[in-house]
Amino acid sequence: MLRGWVNYYGSAISKSYGASEDGWIRRRIRQIYLKQWKRNWTRFVKLWGMHDNKPEMEYRCAEIAFSHETYWARAKTSNHVLTNNILYKEGWQTIAALKRNTESAVLI
């Protein structure tokens, strides 16, 4: 979905706009992950599992999983747990990377 959006609007996306949109999209992706894990305990297990059950991440994962904040607020504070590197490993790319890929494909 994101790739198609970048392919279609890629020539009109500036660097500053792409950076601000990328932040919003990543927050929305984090929100979707937190929403799909319905129960607090499931959230905790999934978040902690993404960090190979490292003891230093246990508190942060529990803080996000058992919070009473809205999903959007949790998504904002979960950027320390669901980092950009983890999202990249899950298959999500930045707008800048997708734009570079489409520009290089056009040049070939």
Foldseek 3Di string as FASTA:
>chain_A
DLLVVCLVCVVVDDPVNLVVVQVVVQLVVQLVVLVVQPALVSQLVVLCVLVVVDVVCNVVSNCLSVDPDHSSVSSVSCCVRCPPVSVVVVPDDGSVVSSVVSVVVVVD
